[in-house]
Amino acid sequence: MPLTVRVGTRHITNEVAGLQIRKEAVGGVKSIALRLARPLDKFDANLDLLEHVTIYDARSAEIIADGDLTDQGRGTDGSGQVWDMVAFGPAQCASDITFPYVVVDQATTQFVRSSASSKSATTNTSEINANTPSLEVVADEGKTISTTWLGDWVYRALYQSRQKLARISVVMDAGVNGADWHQMVVTRNTPTGGGNAAVDIGASTTSSTRTGVVVTNFPNGDDIVSVRCARQTTSTTGGTNTWFGFSQIKIRALLKSATGVDLLSGYTTNTVVAHQVVNDLLGRILSRFDGASAVVSTEGVYTIDQLAYVDGTTAEQVLNDLMALEPAFRWTTSADTGNGYGFRWEAWPTTVRYEATLDDGGSFPVSAQDLYNEVTVRWVRADGFVRQVLRTGACPILDDKGITRRAIIDLSDEVGSVAAAEKAGDNFLDEHRAPKNSGTLTVSRRIRDLATGRMVEPFEIEPGELIRVRGVESYPDALNASSNDGLTVFRIWSATYNSDSHSVELELDADARTTANALRKLLKRRDRRR
């Protein structure tokens, strides 16, 4: 086994047994486990918790896997006194920090009546039609409206998440016309900062869309925004039509580059695309990754109109939501080169890289448990009302038997919108229209790497890549033709290397149906209902 092990600054290869490395297609190296034969009373500063563990290929000095030592266990067994050690790889870093996060938000539920509002100004929610919620400011009928009258709705989610405003778009309309009624968008830096009038127009019964953009309409640094109506110049009396509406509100947060620099331009739309969010995560929260050298593909084009986690999230959860909207892409990591771990947001590989046989064993079950031809997508509308959309798709096996199977997806208000619900539902059905050619394959010898043209050791096999296995007949799917040729192309979902047997167990196309994987999914399950 041409591998060497270093913990901190100490090389401990000669003490190591039972080395296991788990890599996954999404995220990269998840964990490293090993055992040391040494007395239990022998403490070593190099084995302190959170010391860096590095596994090298002794032939080339290439880093095979690395991570931080997180767990130690000491005990005795028939082989003597041993230390069990576990290190988490760079994939775990994406879950280190839980934080509130707003990218683009159209939830009117995040607006509240501010204390600046006059007592005679009524603030309430309504809707223009069945799908368009609206915030309203109303001047009480019969009441005298002075020149200091004000009705104000305020949004503080950006301030609370320590982010800054980049763009706001709002549709304004009213029941009256008049330049003395000022419908406005006002921004400020912190609750006590001075107000900046990003939008200021006279009320009109003709609705119009108004926008404010950072630098152009308000300075960089503002993090609180209000929509309001103010009476100026003359006093008047409230009537039956003195109402003022604000609807289709879209708020965008200021984004960062992958190196953490504020981006002060480019906010021309009310939506974002996935690579903008990935770069922002690198520059804002994923400090353990080298943003300067990160590879972030810009090929994804789906426009995201809602992405807000006011109750908190992790970078991993955000990245997984992006993958649900852009299923052709994944995120993965690589070894620490001195400036941080490597990071990639990239398209899934589409060409076969490895070729293998069944010589070392494998299991290839086929199940209909994950087949669906309908899915209900639950999401929360901007005003907090729950909405559902039903999406249907062809599933030949179910359709031929006259069976309907329906799943449910919950997008809540974090990613929820009509467009996102339809997109996520269609992506789900596409993924569950045919049985997965899943299974496990053991590789205990060198196999052909078609990308490099050389034979590679078991520990060099990378998850996420495609592998062609001879001797297994496939179900027709996106990776396999309908002809019977005794070959099946799989996606390597995970690779777990064991040094004792110098073999790797590959989980193909999906996590293997094992108790351990089922428990892991249960622990990581997200309950988004709100």
Protein backbone atom coordinates (compact mmCIF):
# COMPACT_ATOMS: atom_id res chain seq x y z
CA MET A 1 0.00 0.00 0.00
CA PRO A 2 1.85 3.13 -1.21
CA LEU A 3 0.26 5.52 1.29
CA THR A 4 1.78 7.59 4.07
CA VAL A 5 0.03 9.26 6.99
CA ARG A 6 0.87 12.51 8.73
CA VAL A 7 -0.87 14.07 11.72
CA GLY A 8 0.22 17.61 12.45
CA THR A 9 3.96 17.55 11.75
CA ARG A 10 4.45 13.88 12.73
CA HIS A 11 4.61 11.04 10.20
CA ILE A 12 2.97 8.00 11.81
CA THR A 13 2.65 5.59 8.89
CA ASN A 14 4.40 2.73 10.71
CA GLU A 15 1.82 2.84 13.54
CA VAL A 16 -1.29 2.97 11.35
CA ALA A 17 -3.68 0.11 10.69
CA GLY A 18 -7.25 -0.04 9.42
CA LEU A 19 -7.07 3.17 7.42
CA GLN A 20 -10.43 4.05 5.85
CA ILE A 21 -11.14 7.00 3.55
CA ARG A 22 -14.66 7.92 2.47
CA LYS A 23 -15.21 10.22 -0.48
CA GLU A 24 -18.58 11.26 -1.88
CA ALA A 25 -19.59 12.62 -5.25
CA VAL A 26 -21.09 15.69 -3.58
CA GLY A 27 -18.68 17.36 -1.18
CA GLY A 28 -15.56 15.24 -1.66
CA VAL A 29 -13.70 13.72 1.30
CA LYS A 30 -16.14 13.15 4.17
CA SER A 31 -14.05 11.26 6.70
CA ILE A 32 -10.78 9.52 7.45
CA ALA A 33 -10.62 6.75 10.09
CA LEU A 34 -7.52 4.95 11.33
CA ARG A 35 -6.12 2.98 14.26
CA LEU A 36 -2.79 3.44 16.00
CA ALA A 37 -0.99 0.75 17.96
CA ARG A 38 0.43 2.63 20.94
CA PRO A 39 0.11 2.66 24.74
CA LEU A 40 -2.96 4.41 26.09
CA ASP A 41 -0.90 6.61 28.40
CA LYS A 42 1.28 7.92 25.60
CA PHE A 43 -0.05 11.38 24.78
CA ASP A 44 1.31 13.18 21.76
CA ALA A 45 0.75 16.88 21.04
CA ASN A 46 0.57 16.01 17.37
CA LEU A 47 -2.56 13.97 18.07
CA ASP A 48 -4.52 16.79 19.68
CA LEU A 49 -8.07 17.33 18.49
CA LEU A 50 -8.36 19.39 15.29
CA GLU A 51 -4.80 18.61 14.21
CA HIS A 52 -4.56 18.25 10.45
CA VAL A 53 -4.45 14.71 9.06
CA THR A 54 -2.96 14.20 5.61
CA ILE A 55 -2.85 11.00 3.56
CA TYR A 56 -0.23 11.02 0.79
CA ASP A 57 0.50 8.83 -2.20
CA ALA A 58 4.09 7.87 -1.40
CA ARG A 59 4.92 7.47 -5.09
CA SER A 60 4.06 11.03 -6.12
CA ALA A 61 3.55 12.96 -2.83
CA GLU A 62 0.04 13.76 -4.08
CA ILE A 63 -2.51 14.32 -1.32
CA ILE A 64 -5.13 11.57 -1.46
CA ALA A 65 -7.23 12.90 1.42
CA ASP A 66 -6.94 15.31 4.33
CA GLY A 67 -9.01 16.69 7.15
CA ASP A 68 -9.15 17.70 10.81
CA LEU A 69 -8.92 15.23 13.68
CA THR A 70 -12.30 15.40 15.44
CA ASP A 71 -12.62 12.20 17.50
CA GLN A 72 -10.30 9.96 19.49
CA GLY A 73 -11.03 6.69 21.22
CA ARG A 74 -8.65 4.66 23.34
CA GLY A 75 -9.12 1.02 24.23
CA THR A 76 -7.73 -2.49 24.26
CA ASP A 77 -8.59 -5.59 22.30
CA GLY A 78 -6.95 -8.86 21.29
CA SER A 79 -4.27 -6.99 19.34
CA GLY A 80 -3.24 -4.84 22.32
CA GLN A 81 -3.71 -1.16 23.17
CA VAL A 82 -5.01 0.98 20.31
CA TRP A 83 -6.09 4.53 19.53
CA ASP A 84 -9.05 4.99 17.18
CA MET A 85 -9.03 8.31 15.33
CA VAL A 86 -11.53 9.98 13.03
CA ALA A 87 -10.95 13.09 10.94
CA PHE A 88 -13.60 15.00 9.01
CA GLY A 89 -12.64 16.03 5.50
CA PRO A 90 -13.22 19.41 3.81
CA ALA A 91 -16.80 18.51 2.87
CA GLN A 92 -17.73 18.89 6.53
CA CYS A 93 -16.55 22.52 6.58
CA ALA A 94 -19.65 23.52 4.62
CA SER A 95 -21.73 22.65 7.70
CA ASP A 96 -19.55 24.33 10.33
CA ILE A 97 -21.54 27.56 10.58
CA THR A 98 -25.29 28.07 10.83
CA PHE A 99 -26.30 31.59 9.84
CA PRO A 100 -29.31 33.59 8.61
CA TYR A 101 -28.91 34.21 4.90
CA VAL A 102 -30.83 36.29 2.36
CA VAL A 103 -30.01 36.37 -1.34
CA VAL A 104 -33.30 37.37 -2.93
CA ASP A 105 -36.53 37.73 -0.96
CA GLN A 106 -40.10 38.50 -1.97
CA ALA A 107 -41.77 37.61 1.34
CA THR A 108 -44.02 40.41 2.53
CA THR A 109 -44.22 38.57 5.89
CA GLN A 110 -40.78 40.01 6.71
CA PHE A 111 -42.21 43.56 6.65
CA VAL A 112 -43.68 44.99 9.85
CA ARG A 113 -45.42 48.25 10.67
CA SER A 114 -42.70 50.57 11.94
CA SER A 115 -42.92 52.84 14.97
CA ALA A 116 -42.56 55.84 12.65
CA SER A 117 -46.14 55.39 11.44
CA SER A 118 -48.76 57.93 12.49
CA LYS A 119 -51.60 56.69 14.70
CA SER A 120 -54.11 57.66 12.02
CA ALA A 121 -52.26 55.63 9.41
CA THR A 122 -53.61 52.09 9.10
CA THR A 123 -51.29 49.41 7.77
CA ASN A 124 -52.73 46.11 6.57
CA THR A 125 -52.10 43.32 4.08
CA SER A 126 -54.27 42.58 1.09
CA GLU A 127 -53.92 41.06 -2.35
CA ILE A 128 -54.33 42.43 -5.82
CA ASN A 129 -55.43 39.07 -7.17
CA ALA A 130 -55.33 35.47 -5.99
CA ASN A 131 -51.55 35.27 -6.28
CA THR A 132 -50.24 38.79 -5.65
CA PRO A 133 -50.04 39.88 -1.99
CA SER A 134 -49.86 43.57 -1.23
CA LEU A 135 -48.90 45.82 1.66
CA GLU A 136 -51.24 48.78 2.16
CA VAL A 137 -51.13 52.10 3.93
CA VAL A 138 -54.54 53.73 4.50
CA ALA A 139 -55.42 57.21 5.70
CA ASP A 140 -58.37 56.81 8.07
CA GLU A 141 -61.60 58.08 6.56
CA GLY A 142 -62.80 61.37 8.04
CA LYS A 143 -59.58 61.98 9.98
CA THR A 144 -57.47 65.10 9.47
CA ILE A 145 -54.22 64.20 7.73
CA SER A 146 -51.47 66.65 8.65
CA THR A 147 -48.25 67.37 6.76
CA THR A 148 -46.37 65.04 9.13
CA TRP A 149 -48.64 62.04 8.46
CA LEU A 150 -46.76 58.83 7.64
CA GLY A 151 -47.54 55.15 7.13
CA ASP A 152 -44.45 52.90 7.05
CA TRP A 153 -43.63 49.22 6.51
CA VAL A 154 -40.04 48.22 7.39
CA TYR A 155 -37.89 45.22 6.40
CA ARG A 156 -34.99 44.34 8.73
CA ALA A 157 -34.02 40.80 7.62
CA LEU A 158 -30.79 42.03 5.98
CA TYR A 159 -29.76 43.96 9.07
CA GLN A 160 -30.43 40.92 11.24
CA SER A 161 -28.36 38.69 8.95
CA ARG A 162 -25.52 41.25 8.79
CA GLN A 163 -25.95 41.73 5.06
CA LYS A 164 -26.44 44.81 2.93
CA LEU A 165 -29.06 45.91 0.43
CA ALA A 166 -28.28 45.84 -3.29
CA ARG A 167 -31.63 46.27 -5.02
CA ILE A 168 -35.32 46.69 -4.27
CA SER A 169 -38.14 46.57 -6.77
CA VAL A 170 -41.75 47.33 -5.88
CA VAL A 171 -45.01 47.93 -7.73
CA MET A 172 -46.78 51.03 -6.40
CA ASP A 173 -50.40 51.98 -6.87
CA ALA A 174 -52.97 54.08 -5.03
CA GLY A 175 -56.64 54.99 -4.83
CA VAL A 176 -55.93 58.70 -5.36
CA ASN A 177 -53.74 60.94 -7.46
CA GLY A 178 -51.69 63.75 -6.04
CA ALA A 179 -48.17 65.07 -5.67
CA ASP A 180 -48.83 65.79 -1.98
CA TRP A 181 -49.03 62.04 -1.35
CA HIS A 182 -45.47 60.69 -1.58
CA GLN A 183 -45.01 56.96 -2.10
CA MET A 184 -41.44 56.16 -1.20
CA VAL A 185 -38.74 53.56 -0.72
CA VAL A 186 -36.40 54.67 2.07
CA THR A 187 -33.16 52.90 2.99
CA ARG A 188 -30.86 53.35 5.96
CA ASN A 189 -27.71 51.97 7.54
CA THR A 190 -28.70 50.32 10.86
CA PRO A 191 -31.93 51.25 12.69
CA THR A 192 -30.59 54.64 13.79
CA GLY A 193 -29.02 55.65 10.48
CA GLY A 194 -30.27 58.55 8.40
CA GLY A 195 -32.81 57.76 5.70
CA ASN A 196 -32.05 57.79 1.96
CA ALA A 197 -34.98 58.25 -0.39
CA ALA A 198 -34.25 55.60 -3.03
CA VAL A 199 -37.68 56.15 -4.63
CA ASP A 200 -40.00 59.13 -4.20
CA ILE A 201 -43.04 59.57 -6.48
CA GLY A 202 -46.43 61.21 -6.29
CA ALA A 203 -49.35 58.83 -5.72
CA SER A 204 -51.12 57.61 -8.85
CA THR A 205 -54.05 55.35 -9.59
CA THR A 206 -51.95 53.89 -12.41
CA SER A 207 -49.64 51.24 -11.03
CA SER A 208 -45.94 51.43 -11.85
CA THR A 209 -42.81 49.46 -11.02
CA ARG A 210 -40.08 51.36 -9.19
CA THR A 211 -36.57 50.20 -8.37
CA GLY A 212 -33.68 51.35 -6.24
CA VAL A 213 -30.12 50.11 -6.80
CA VAL A 214 -27.01 50.40 -4.65
CA VAL A 215 -24.67 53.31 -5.49
CA THR A 216 -27.19 54.76 -7.97
CA ASN A 217 -30.09 55.30 -5.54
CA PHE A 218 -28.60 54.64 -2.11
CA PRO A 219 -25.10 54.15 -0.69
CA ASN A 220 -23.30 50.87 -0.09
CA GLY A 221 -23.89 49.85 3.51
CA ASP A 222 -27.64 50.40 3.84
CA ASP A 223 -29.27 47.31 5.36
CA ILE A 224 -32.81 48.39 6.28
CA VAL A 225 -35.52 49.29 3.80
CA SER A 226 -39.00 50.80 4.19
CA VAL A 227 -41.93 51.26 1.83
CA ARG A 228 -44.10 54.15 2.95
CA CYS A 229 -46.53 56.87 2.10
CA ALA A 230 -46.12 60.39 3.50
CA ARG A 231 -48.34 63.46 3.31
CA GLN A 232 -46.45 66.69 2.54
CA THR A 233 -47.14 70.38 1.80
CA THR A 234 -50.84 70.62 2.77
CA SER A 235 -53.26 69.03 5.20
CA THR A 236 -56.33 67.10 4.03
CA THR A 237 -59.02 64.74 5.22
CA GLY A 238 -58.95 60.96 4.74
CA GLY A 239 -61.47 59.59 2.28
CA THR A 240 -62.73 56.26 1.01
CA ASN A 241 -59.96 56.04 -1.60
CA THR A 242 -56.96 57.30 0.34
CA TRP A 243 -55.10 54.02 0.25
CA PHE A 244 -51.61 53.26 -1.10
CA GLY A 245 -50.39 49.82 -2.19
CA PHE A 246 -46.98 48.16 -2.44
CA SER A 247 -46.84 44.77 -4.16
CA GLN A 248 -44.46 42.39 -5.96
CA ILE A 249 -41.68 43.50 -3.64
CA LYS A 250 -38.31 41.96 -4.55
CA ILE A 251 -35.26 42.53 -2.36
CA ARG A 252 -31.75 41.51 -3.34
CA ALA A 253 -28.82 41.42 -0.95
CA LEU A 254 -25.42 42.76 -1.88
CA LEU A 255 -23.25 39.86 -3.04
CA LYS A 256 -19.57 39.21 -2.56
CA SER A 257 -16.95 37.82 -4.89
CA ALA A 258 -15.31 34.49 -4.07
CA THR A 259 -12.49 36.44 -2.39
CA GLY A 260 -14.85 38.46 -0.17
CA VAL A 261 -15.01 41.77 -2.08
CA ASP A 262 -18.37 43.60 -2.18
CA LEU A 263 -19.87 43.60 -5.68
CA LEU A 264 -21.33 47.07 -6.29
CA SER A 265 -22.69 46.56 -9.80
CA GLY A 266 -24.61 44.03 -11.86
CA TYR A 267 -27.96 44.29 -10.04
CA THR A 268 -30.08 44.75 -13.14
CA THR A 269 -32.67 42.05 -12.41
CA ASN A 270 -34.70 40.75 -9.48
CA THR A 271 -33.18 37.27 -9.75
CA VAL A 272 -29.84 35.52 -9.28
CA VAL A 273 -28.19 32.48 -10.83
CA ALA A 274 -26.48 29.66 -8.97
CA HIS A 275 -22.86 30.63 -9.57
CA GLN A 276 -23.45 34.08 -8.05
CA VAL A 277 -24.68 32.44 -4.85
CA VAL A 278 -21.76 29.99 -4.80
CA ASN A 279 -19.23 32.82 -5.10
CA ASP A 280 -21.01 34.76 -2.37
CA LEU A 281 -20.86 31.76 -0.02
CA LEU A 282 -17.13 31.42 -0.69
CA GLY A 283 -16.48 35.08 0.02
CA ARG A 284 -18.89 35.39 2.94
CA ILE A 285 -18.90 32.19 4.98
CA LEU A 286 -16.65 29.45 3.54
CA SER A 287 -13.43 30.95 4.84
CA ARG A 288 -11.66 27.59 5.02
CA PHE A 289 -11.74 27.32 1.23
CA ASP A 290 -9.40 29.13 -1.14
CA GLY A 291 -11.82 31.44 -2.92
CA ALA A 292 -9.13 32.86 -5.19
CA SER A 293 -8.47 29.49 -6.81
CA ALA A 294 -12.01 28.10 -6.58
CA VAL A 295 -13.47 26.83 -9.85
CA VAL A 296 -17.06 28.04 -10.21
CA SER A 297 -18.82 27.22 -13.46
CA THR A 298 -21.00 29.99 -14.91
CA GLU A 299 -22.91 27.68 -17.27
CA GLY A 300 -26.07 27.36 -15.15
CA VAL A 301 -28.78 29.72 -16.39
CA TYR A 302 -31.82 29.05 -14.18
CA THR A 303 -32.96 32.33 -12.62
CA ILE A 304 -33.74 32.08 -8.90
CA ASP A 305 -36.43 34.45 -7.61
CA GLN A 306 -36.55 33.35 -3.96
CA LEU A 307 -33.65 32.27 -1.75
CA ALA A 308 -33.92 33.44 1.85
CA TYR A 309 -33.19 31.57 5.08
CA VAL A 310 -34.17 34.00 7.83
CA ASP A 311 -34.30 31.20 10.42
CA GLY A 312 -30.74 30.07 9.65
CA THR A 313 -29.05 27.62 7.33
CA THR A 314 -25.64 26.20 6.46
CA ALA A 315 -23.64 26.57 3.28
CA GLU A 316 -24.15 22.87 2.61
CA GLN A 317 -27.94 23.26 2.74
CA VAL A 318 -27.82 26.23 0.38
CA LEU A 319 -25.59 24.34 -2.05
CA ASN A 320 -27.94 21.36 -1.95
CA ASP A 321 -30.89 23.64 -2.72
CA LEU A 322 -28.96 25.05 -5.67
CA MET A 323 -28.39 21.50 -6.90
CA ALA A 324 -32.14 20.84 -6.71
CA LEU A 325 -32.69 23.81 -9.04
CA GLU A 326 -29.62 23.09 -11.20
CA PRO A 327 -29.42 19.26 -11.17
CA ALA A 328 -26.69 19.19 -13.83
CA PHE A 329 -24.22 20.66 -11.31
CA ARG A 330 -22.53 19.56 -8.08
CA TRP A 331 -20.16 20.98 -5.49
CA THR A 332 -17.02 19.19 -4.41
CA THR A 333 -13.78 19.90 -2.61
CA SER A 334 -10.09 19.04 -2.78
CA ALA A 335 -7.01 19.04 -0.56
CA ASP A 336 -5.60 22.01 1.35
CA THR A 337 -2.70 23.52 -0.59
CA GLY A 338 -1.71 26.08 2.05
CA ASN A 339 -4.26 28.81 1.26
CA GLY A 340 -7.27 26.70 2.14
CA TYR A 341 -9.15 23.73 0.74
CA GLY A 342 -9.95 23.62 -2.94
CA PHE A 343 -13.56 24.10 -4.05
CA ARG A 344 -15.43 23.38 -7.29
CA TRP A 345 -18.94 24.11 -8.52
CA GLU A 346 -19.05 22.17 -11.75
CA ALA A 347 -21.17 20.16 -14.13
CA TRP A 348 -21.40 16.44 -13.46
CA PRO A 349 -18.94 14.46 -15.60
CA THR A 350 -20.66 13.03 -18.68
CA THR A 351 -18.01 10.73 -20.16
CA VAL A 352 -16.94 7.34 -18.85
CA ARG A 353 -13.66 7.53 -16.95
CA TYR A 354 -13.16 4.04 -15.47
CA GLU A 355 -13.67 0.48 -16.65
CA ALA A 356 -14.08 -2.39 -14.22
CA THR A 357 -15.21 -6.01 -13.98
CA LEU A 358 -16.98 -8.11 -11.36
CA ASP A 359 -13.83 -10.01 -10.38
CA ASP A 360 -13.74 -8.61 -6.82
CA GLY A 361 -17.45 -8.83 -6.13
CA GLY A 362 -20.49 -6.62 -6.29
CA SER A 363 -24.20 -6.38 -5.67
CA PHE A 364 -26.66 -4.77 -8.06
CA PRO A 365 -30.24 -4.70 -6.71
CA VAL A 366 -33.02 -3.05 -8.71
CA SER A 367 -35.96 -1.50 -6.88
CA ALA A 368 -39.21 0.18 -7.83
CA GLN A 369 -39.54 1.87 -4.44
CA ASP A 370 -38.22 5.19 -5.73
CA LEU A 371 -40.40 5.44 -8.85
CA TYR A 372 -42.91 8.31 -9.06
CA ASN A 373 -45.10 9.80 -11.75
CA GLU A 374 -46.54 12.63 -9.65
CA VAL A 375 -45.15 15.00 -7.07
CA THR A 376 -46.75 17.70 -4.95
CA VAL A 377 -44.48 20.64 -4.24
CA ARG A 378 -45.38 22.65 -1.14
CA TRP A 379 -44.20 26.23 -0.83
CA VAL A 380 -45.14 29.37 1.07
CA ARG A 381 -46.36 32.44 -0.77
CA ALA A 382 -44.88 35.87 -0.12
CA ASP A 383 -47.63 36.72 2.37
CA GLY A 384 -47.21 33.49 4.35
CA PHE A 385 -50.02 31.45 2.80
CA VAL A 386 -49.22 27.84 1.93
CA ARG A 387 -49.50 26.91 -1.71
CA GLN A 388 -49.07 23.60 -3.52
CA VAL A 389 -48.48 22.69 -7.12
CA LEU A 390 -48.94 19.22 -8.62
CA ARG A 391 -46.49 18.12 -11.30
CA THR A 392 -46.88 14.96 -13.37
CA GLY A 393 -44.43 13.07 -15.55
CA ALA A 394 -44.12 9.84 -17.50
CA CYS A 395 -42.86 6.78 -15.62
CA PRO A 396 -43.14 3.87 -18.07
CA ILE A 397 -43.10 1.10 -15.45
CA LEU A 398 -45.80 2.68 -13.27
CA ASP A 399 -47.82 3.92 -16.22
CA ASP A 400 -47.90 0.46 -17.86
CA LYS A 401 -49.30 -1.03 -14.64
CA GLY A 402 -51.81 1.78 -14.16
CA ILE A 403 -50.22 2.76 -10.86
CA THR A 404 -49.95 6.32 -9.57
CA ARG A 405 -47.31 7.13 -6.98
CA ARG A 406 -47.04 10.67 -5.62
CA ALA A 407 -44.27 12.19 -3.52
CA ILE A 408 -44.18 15.53 -1.75
CA ILE A 409 -41.40 18.14 -1.67
CA ASP A 410 -41.33 21.02 0.80
CA LEU A 411 -39.65 24.25 -0.35
CA SER A 412 -41.19 26.34 2.45
CA ASP A 413 -40.53 30.08 2.08
CA GLU A 414 -36.78 29.62 1.72
CA VAL A 415 -36.75 28.63 -1.95
CA GLY A 416 -40.49 28.75 -2.50
CA SER A 417 -42.02 30.43 -5.52
CA VAL A 418 -44.22 29.26 -8.39
CA ALA A 419 -41.25 28.96 -10.74
CA ALA A 420 -39.04 27.19 -8.20
CA ALA A 421 -41.81 24.77 -7.25
CA GLU A 422 -42.38 23.77 -10.87
CA LYS A 423 -38.65 23.46 -11.52
CA ALA A 424 -37.98 21.34 -8.43
CA GLY A 425 -40.97 19.11 -9.15
CA ASP A 426 -39.97 18.47 -12.75
CA ASN A 427 -36.37 17.74 -11.73
CA PHE A 428 -37.59 15.27 -9.11
CA LEU A 429 -39.78 13.39 -11.58
CA ASP A 430 -37.00 13.24 -14.14
CA GLU A 431 -34.75 11.65 -11.51
CA HIS A 432 -37.41 9.11 -10.45
CA ARG A 433 -38.86 8.03 -13.80
CA ALA A 434 -36.79 4.84 -14.15
CA PRO A 435 -35.21 2.36 -11.71
CA LYS A 436 -31.69 3.33 -10.77
CA ASN A 437 -28.95 1.02 -11.98
CA SER A 438 -27.61 1.13 -8.46
CA GLY A 439 -25.44 -1.22 -6.47
CA THR A 440 -22.07 -1.68 -4.86
CA LEU A 441 -18.84 -2.75 -6.50
CA THR A 442 -15.64 -3.84 -4.79
CA VAL A 443 -12.35 -3.06 -6.53
CA SER A 444 -9.19 -4.67 -5.11
CA ARG A 445 -6.86 -4.17 -8.05
CA ARG A 446 -5.75 -1.51 -10.45
CA ILE A 447 -8.28 -0.52 -13.11
CA ARG A 448 -8.14 1.51 -16.30
CA ASP A 449 -8.48 5.31 -16.04
CA LEU A 450 -9.56 6.41 -19.52
CA ALA A 451 -8.93 10.09 -18.71
CA THR A 452 -5.22 9.56 -18.06
CA GLY A 453 -4.68 6.32 -19.98
CA ARG A 454 -3.04 4.61 -17.00
CA MET A 455 -3.95 1.95 -14.46
CA VAL A 456 -4.94 3.43 -11.08
CA GLU A 457 -4.93 2.03 -7.57
CA PRO A 458 -8.24 1.56 -5.69
CA PHE A 459 -7.64 4.65 -3.51
CA GLU A 460 -7.25 6.81 -6.62
CA ILE A 461 -10.78 6.20 -7.91
CA GLU A 462 -12.76 9.45 -7.68
CA PRO A 463 -16.50 9.62 -6.86
CA GLY A 464 -18.76 11.56 -9.18
CA GLU A 465 -17.11 10.03 -12.25
CA LEU A 466 -18.71 7.47 -14.55
CA ILE A 467 -17.59 3.83 -14.49
CA ARG A 468 -18.43 1.14 -17.04
CA VAL A 469 -18.89 -2.30 -15.47
CA ARG A 470 -18.73 -5.41 -17.65
CA GLY A 471 -21.07 -8.28 -16.88
CA VAL A 472 -24.04 -6.30 -15.59
CA GLU A 473 -27.15 -5.74 -17.71
CA SER A 474 -28.68 -2.30 -17.35
CA TYR A 475 -32.11 -0.77 -17.19
CA PRO A 476 -32.44 1.90 -19.89
CA ASP A 477 -31.75 5.30 -18.33
CA ALA A 478 -29.90 8.54 -19.05
CA LEU A 479 -26.52 6.77 -18.89
CA ASN A 480 -27.38 3.53 -20.68
CA ALA A 481 -28.73 2.66 -24.11
CA SER A 482 -31.72 0.37 -24.47
CA SER A 483 -29.71 -2.37 -26.23
CA ASN A 484 -28.63 -5.45 -24.29
CA ASP A 485 -24.84 -5.51 -24.38
CA GLY A 486 -23.87 -6.77 -20.92
CA LEU A 487 -22.46 -3.39 -19.92
CA THR A 488 -23.74 -0.82 -17.47
CA VAL A 489 -22.53 2.71 -16.92
CA PHE A 490 -22.87 3.91 -13.33
CA ARG A 491 -22.24 7.15 -11.52
CA ILE A 492 -19.85 6.58 -8.60
CA TRP A 493 -21.75 8.06 -5.67
CA SER A 494 -19.19 7.29 -2.99
CA ALA A 495 -15.87 5.50 -2.61
CA THR A 496 -14.77 3.99 0.72
CA TYR A 497 -11.18 2.76 0.74
CA ASN A 498 -9.90 0.21 3.29
CA SER A 499 -6.14 -0.20 3.66
CA ASP A 500 -6.34 -3.62 5.34
CA SER A 501 -7.73 -5.20 2.17
CA HIS A 502 -6.33 -2.55 -0.19
CA SER A 503 -9.79 -2.33 -1.73
CA VAL A 504 -12.44 0.29 -2.33
CA GLU A 505 -16.18 -0.18 -2.10
CA LEU A 506 -18.04 1.94 -4.63
CA GLU A 507 -21.65 2.92 -4.12
CA LEU A 508 -23.10 3.34 -7.58
CA ASP A 509 -25.73 5.83 -8.73
CA ALA A 510 -27.04 6.35 -5.18
CA ASP A 511 -26.30 5.54 -1.56
CA ALA A 512 -26.42 1.81 -0.97
CA ARG A 513 -29.53 0.54 0.83
CA THR A 514 -27.81 -0.03 4.14
CA THR A 515 -28.87 0.75 7.70
CA ALA A 516 -25.90 3.08 8.15
CA ASN A 517 -26.83 5.17 5.11
CA ALA A 518 -30.50 5.24 6.11
CA LEU A 519 -29.59 6.54 9.56
CA ARG A 520 -27.25 9.14 8.07
CA LYS A 521 -30.02 10.44 5.79
CA LEU A 522 -32.45 10.53 8.71
CA LEU A 523 -30.04 12.58 10.83
CA LYS A 524 -29.46 15.06 7.99
CA ARG A 525 -33.13 15.33 6.99
CA ARG A 526 -34.39 18.89 6.87
CA ASP A 527 -37.83 19.72 8.19
CA ARG A 528 -38.61 22.99 6.46
CA ARG A 529 -42.32 23.35 7.27
CA ARG A 530 -43.03 26.92 8.40
